[in-house]
């Protein structure tokens, strides 16, 4: 199932991008983001690549409280993404708000896939756990100015 998920998402990158742009428009994010497909392609591809690593190395989808955040490529990717966007002036509210739409777009594609129901359930569980690990990287990169109540609420 794990290989199928990566193949399904890779095959549907254009569909994911279309969904992201639609969600961005609905949420008002296009005031700050491009609506050109090619501007979204790299982030969609990088997330799929990071998911592929996760699916090959995190076998049981268990989040371990003693995990050392930042020691693996998934959280490193999250840290890098957060830093890149912060350097471009993207606030944590905008970043995590749009991240919710990324989650929705990937899960939509899994739900619309030809996976059997049990595979969809397993795929969505793995995808959700992956996104939590990725989000650790976002949170690990928080600066002092991001310690406001709004930031702390978004980190949850």
C-alpha atoms as a PDB file:
ATOM      1  CA  UNK A   1       0.000   0.000   0.000  1.00  0.00           C
ATOM      2  CA  UNK A   2       2.804   2.434   0.852  1.00  0.00           C
ATOM      3  CA  UNK A   3       4.292   2.319  -2.643  1.00  0.00           C
ATOM      4  CA  UNK A   4       0.817   2.742  -4.130  1.00  0.00           C
ATOM      5  CA  UNK A   5       0.247   5.944  -2.156  1.00  0.00           C
ATOM      6  CA  UNK A   6       3.396   7.593  -3.485  1.00  0.00           C
ATOM      7  CA  UNK A   7       2.549   6.448  -7.025  1.00  0.00           C
ATOM      8  CA  UNK A   8      -1.034   7.767  -6.740  1.00  0.00           C
ATOM      9  CA  UNK A   9       0.093  11.153  -5.405  1.00  0.00           C
ATOM     10  CA  UNK A  10       2.878  11.469  -7.984  1.00  0.00           C
ATOM     11  CA  UNK A  11       0.483  10.589 -10.801  1.00  0.00           C
ATOM     12  CA  UNK A  12      -1.959  13.202  -9.474  1.00  0.00           C
ATOM     13  CA  UNK A  13       0.402  16.127  -8.834  1.00  0.00           C
ATOM     14  CA  UNK A  14      -1.584  18.326 -11.234  1.00  0.00           C
ATOM     15  CA  UNK A  15      -4.832  17.475  -9.451  1.00  0.00           C
ATOM     16  CA  UNK A  16      -3.229  18.300  -6.066  1.00  0.00           C
ATOM     17  CA  UNK A  17      -2.023  21.633  -7.439  1.00  0.00           C
ATOM     18  CA  UNK A  18      -5.484  22.451  -8.793  1.00  0.00           C
ATOM     19  CA  UNK A  19      -7.043  21.642  -5.425  1.00  0.00           C
ATOM     20  CA  UNK A  20      -4.429  23.762  -3.612  1.00  0.00           C
ATOM     21  CA  UNK A  21      -5.076  26.743  -5.857  1.00  0.00           C
ATOM     22  CA  UNK A  22      -8.840  26.358  -5.399  1.00  0.00           C
ATOM     23  CA  UNK A  23      -8.444  26.135  -1.613  1.00  0.00           C
ATOM     24  CA  UNK A  24      -6.031  29.090  -1.620  1.00  0.00           C
ATOM     25  CA  UNK A  25      -8.540  31.163  -3.564  1.00  0.00           C
ATOM     26  CA  UNK A  26     -11.404  30.185  -1.237  1.00  0.00           C
ATOM     27  CA  UNK A  27      -9.333  31.084   1.832  1.00  0.00           C
ATOM     28  CA  UNK A  28      -8.054  34.385   0.441  1.00  0.00           C
ATOM     29  CA  UNK A  29      -4.456  33.152   0.286  1.00  0.00           C
ATOM     30  CA  UNK A  30      -4.081  34.145  -3.365  1.00  0.00           C
ATOM     31  CA  UNK A  31      -3.664  37.748  -2.222  1.00  0.00           C
ATOM     32  CA  UNK A  32      -0.200  36.574  -1.153  1.00  0.00           C
ATOM     33  CA  UNK A  33       0.446  33.533  -3.386  1.00  0.00           C
ATOM     34  CA  UNK A  34       0.656  32.878  -7.090  1.00  0.00           C
ATOM     35  CA  UNK A  35      -2.059  30.963  -8.908  1.00  0.00           C
ATOM     36  CA  UNK A  36       0.392  29.624 -11.513  1.00  0.00           C
ATOM     37  CA  UNK A  37       0.632  25.830 -11.391  1.00  0.00           C
ATOM     38  CA  UNK A  38       4.391  25.779 -11.855  1.00  0.00           C
ATOM     39  CA  UNK A  39       4.860  27.943  -8.767  1.00  0.00           C
ATOM     40  CA  UNK A  40       3.206  25.193  -6.681  1.00  0.00           C
ATOM     41  CA  UNK A  41       4.798  22.176  -8.352  1.00  0.00           C
ATOM     42  CA  UNK A  42       8.070  22.168  -6.403  1.00  0.00           C
ATOM     43  CA  UNK A  43       6.392  22.185  -2.985  1.00  0.00           C
ATOM     44  CA  UNK A  44       3.952  19.432  -4.008  1.00  0.00           C
ATOM     45  CA  UNK A  45       6.809  17.336  -5.385  1.00  0.00           C
ATOM     46  CA  UNK A  46       9.002  17.909  -2.303  1.00  0.00           C
ATOM     47  CA  UNK A  47       6.205  16.851   0.042  1.00  0.00           C
ATOM     48  CA  UNK A  48       5.648  13.661  -1.962  1.00  0.00           C
ATOM     49  CA  UNK A  49       9.401  12.972  -1.882  1.00  0.00           C
ATOM     50  CA  UNK A  50       9.488  13.506   1.889  1.00  0.00           C
ATOM     51  CA  UNK A  51       6.396  11.302   2.290  1.00  0.00           C
ATOM     52  CA  UNK A  52       8.163   8.564   0.316  1.00  0.00           C
ATOM     53  CA  UNK A  53      11.084   8.683   2.770  1.00  0.00           C
ATOM     54  CA  UNK A  54       8.658   8.591   5.691  1.00  0.00           C
ATOM     55  CA  UNK A  55       6.729   5.616   4.320  1.00  0.00           C
ATOM     56  CA  UNK A  56       9.971   3.669   3.834  1.00  0.00           C
ATOM     57  CA  UNK A  57      11.428   4.441   7.267  1.00  0.00           C
ATOM     58  CA  UNK A  58       8.532   4.895   9.709  1.00  0.00           C
ATOM     59  CA  UNK A  59       6.957   1.480   9.582  1.00  0.00           C
ATOM     60  CA  UNK A  60       4.297   1.635  12.295  1.00  0.00           C
ATOM     61  CA  UNK A  61       3.062   5.262  12.152  1.00  0.00           C
ATOM     62  CA  UNK A  62       3.660   5.710  15.878  1.00  0.00           C
ATOM     63  CA  UNK A  63       4.662   9.124  17.163  1.00  0.00           C
ATOM     64  CA  UNK A  64       7.277   8.638  19.872  1.00  0.00           C
ATOM     65  CA  UNK A  65       7.388  11.383  22.499  1.00  0.00           C
ATOM     66  CA  UNK A  66      11.116  10.774  22.944  1.00  0.00           C
ATOM     67  CA  UNK A  67      11.820  11.289  19.244  1.00  0.00           C
ATOM     68  CA  UNK A  68      14.548  13.868  18.744  1.00  0.00           C
ATOM     69  CA  UNK A  69      12.900  16.487  16.528  1.00  0.00           C
ATOM     70  CA  UNK A  70      15.153  17.556  13.709  1.00  0.00           C
ATOM     71  CA  UNK A  71      17.247  14.409  13.492  1.00  0.00           C
ATOM     72  CA  UNK A  72      15.451  12.945  10.492  1.00  0.00           C
ATOM     73  CA  UNK A  73      14.889  14.164   6.911  1.00  0.00           C
ATOM     74  CA  UNK A  74      11.150  14.718   7.388  1.00  0.00           C
ATOM     75  CA  UNK A  75      11.515  17.230  10.226  1.00  0.00           C
ATOM     76  CA  UNK A  76      14.579  18.710   8.494  1.00  0.00           C
ATOM     77  CA  UNK A  77      12.374  19.347   5.462  1.00  0.00           C
ATOM     78  CA  UNK A  78       9.794  20.977   7.746  1.00  0.00           C
ATOM     79  CA  UNK A  79      12.447  23.205   9.319  1.00  0.00           C
ATOM     80  CA  UNK A  80      13.802  24.188   5.889  1.00  0.00           C
ATOM     81  CA  UNK A  81      10.309  24.944   4.573  1.00  0.00           C
ATOM     82  CA  UNK A  82       9.408  27.088   7.570  1.00  0.00           C
ATOM     83  CA  UNK A  83      12.667  29.051   7.339  1.00  0.00           C
ATOM     84  CA  UNK A  84      12.291  29.610   3.596  1.00  0.00           C
ATOM     85  CA  UNK A  85       8.754  30.904   3.967  1.00  0.00           C
ATOM     86  CA  UNK A  86       9.576  33.041   7.004  1.00  0.00           C
ATOM     87  CA  UNK A  87      12.447  34.634   5.041  1.00  0.00           C
ATOM     88  CA  UNK A  88       9.910  35.540   2.334  1.00  0.00           C
ATOM     89  CA  UNK A  89       7.737  37.291   4.929  1.00  0.00           C
ATOM     90  CA  UNK A  90       5.115  34.552   5.251  1.00  0.00           C
ATOM     91  CA  UNK A  91       3.601  34.637   8.746  1.00  0.00           C
ATOM     92  CA  UNK A  92       3.066  31.476  10.758  1.00  0.00           C
ATOM     93  CA  UNK A  93      -0.695  32.039  10.457  1.00  0.00           C
ATOM     94  CA  UNK A  94      -0.490  32.097   6.660  1.00  0.00           C
ATOM     95  CA  UNK A  95       1.989  29.205   6.550  1.00  0.00           C
ATOM     96  CA  UNK A  96       0.032  26.850   8.793  1.00  0.00           C
ATOM     97  CA  UNK A  97      -3.282  27.978   7.341  1.00  0.00           C
ATOM     98  CA  UNK A  98      -2.140  27.015   3.864  1.00  0.00           C
ATOM     99  CA  UNK A  99      -0.621  23.811   5.250  1.00  0.00           C
ATOM    100  CA  UNK A 100      -4.122  22.759   6.313  1.00  0.00           C
ATOM    101  CA  UNK A 101      -5.124  23.034   2.657  1.00  0.00           C
ATOM    102  CA  UNK A 102      -2.112  20.949   1.599  1.00  0.00           C
ATOM    103  CA  UNK A 103      -3.285  18.257   4.007  1.00  0.00           C
ATOM    104  CA  UNK A 104      -6.809  18.424   2.611  1.00  0.00           C
ATOM    105  CA  UNK A 105      -5.616  18.228  -1.018  1.00  0.00           C
ATOM    106  CA  UNK A 106      -3.435  15.154  -0.428  1.00  0.00           C
ATOM    107  CA  UNK A 107      -6.173  13.414   1.554  1.00  0.00           C
ATOM    108  CA  UNK A 108      -8.744  14.282  -1.137  1.00  0.00           C
ATOM    109  CA  UNK A 109      -6.597  12.532  -3.738  1.00  0.00           C
ATOM    110  CA  UNK A 110      -6.239   9.471  -1.504  1.00  0.00           C
ATOM    111  CA  UNK A 111     -10.016   9.418  -0.933  1.00  0.00           C
ATOM    112  CA  UNK A 112     -10.667   9.712  -4.678  1.00  0.00           C
ATOM    113  CA  UNK A 113      -8.152   6.982  -5.552  1.00  0.00           C
ATOM    114  CA  UNK A 114      -8.845   3.393  -6.529  1.00  0.00           C
ATOM    115  CA  UNK A 115      -7.443   2.045  -3.263  1.00  0.00           C
ATOM    116  CA  UNK A 116      -9.776  -0.364  -1.490  1.00  0.00           C
ATOM    117  CA  UNK A 117     -11.354   0.996   1.731  1.00  0.00           C
ATOM    118  CA  UNK A 118      -8.850  -0.722   4.073  1.00  0.00           C
ATOM    119  CA  UNK A 119      -5.934   0.681   2.036  1.00  0.00           C
ATOM    120  CA  UNK A 120      -7.473   4.168   2.095  1.00  0.00           C
ATOM    121  CA  UNK A 121      -7.777   3.983   5.877  1.00  0.00           C
ATOM    122  CA  UNK A 122      -4.145   2.900   6.224  1.00  0.00           C
ATOM    123  CA  UNK A 123      -2.985   5.508   3.695  1.00  0.00           C
ATOM    124  CA  UNK A 124      -4.828   8.341   5.471  1.00  0.00           C
ATOM    125  CA  UNK A 125      -3.417   7.244   8.837  1.00  0.00           C
ATOM    126  CA  UNK A 126       0.119   7.218   7.429  1.00  0.00           C
ATOM    127  CA  UNK A 127      -0.429  10.563   5.669  1.00  0.00           C
ATOM    128  CA  UNK A 128      -1.737  12.199   8.845  1.00  0.00           C
ATOM    129  CA  UNK A 129       1.145  10.904  10.955  1.00  0.00           C
ATOM    130  CA  UNK A 130       3.647  12.033   8.307  1.00  0.00           C
ATOM    131  CA  UNK A 131       2.112  15.525   8.332  1.00  0.00           C
ATOM    132  CA  UNK A 132       2.412  15.665  12.126  1.00  0.00           C
ATOM    133  CA  UNK A 133       6.113  14.768  11.920  1.00  0.00           C
ATOM    134  CA  UNK A 134       6.556  17.373   9.175  1.00  0.00           C
ATOM    135  CA  UNK A 135       4.773  19.929  11.358  1.00  0.00           C
ATOM    136  CA  UNK A 136       7.250  19.211  14.176  1.00  0.00           C
ATOM    137  CA  UNK A 137       9.828  20.774  11.895  1.00  0.00           C
ATOM    138  CA  UNK A 138       7.670  23.873  11.492  1.00  0.00           C
ATOM    139  CA  UNK A 139       7.220  24.169  15.250  1.00  0.00           C
ATOM    140  CA  UNK A 140      10.888  23.447  15.985  1.00  0.00           C
ATOM    141  CA  UNK A 141      11.784  26.433  13.843  1.00  0.00           C
ATOM    142  CA  UNK A 142       9.662  28.923  15.822  1.00  0.00           C
ATOM    143  CA  UNK A 143      11.390  32.125  16.831  1.00  0.00           C
ATOM    144  CA  UNK A 144      10.767  34.172  19.968  1.00  0.00           C
ATOM    145  CA  UNK A 145       8.396  36.501  18.120  1.00  0.00           C
ATOM    146  CA  UNK A 146       6.311  33.442  17.241  1.00  0.00           C
ATOM    147  CA  UNK A 147       5.646  32.633  20.893  1.00  0.00           C
ATOM    148  CA  UNK A 148       2.431  34.650  20.830  1.00  0.00           C
ATOM    149  CA  UNK A 149      -0.853  32.964  21.826  1.00  0.00           C
ATOM    150  CA  UNK A 150      -1.854  32.832  18.132  1.00  0.00           C
ATOM    151  CA  UNK A 151       1.317  30.935  17.222  1.00  0.00           C
ATOM    152  CA  UNK A 152       0.970  28.549  20.129  1.00  0.00           C
ATOM    153  CA  UNK A 153      -2.627  27.776  19.168  1.00  0.00           C
ATOM    154  CA  UNK A 154      -1.605  27.062  15.561  1.00  0.00           C
ATOM    155  CA  UNK A 155       1.165  24.748  16.739  1.00  0.00           C
ATOM    156  CA  UNK A 156      -1.418  22.434  18.302  1.00  0.00           C
END
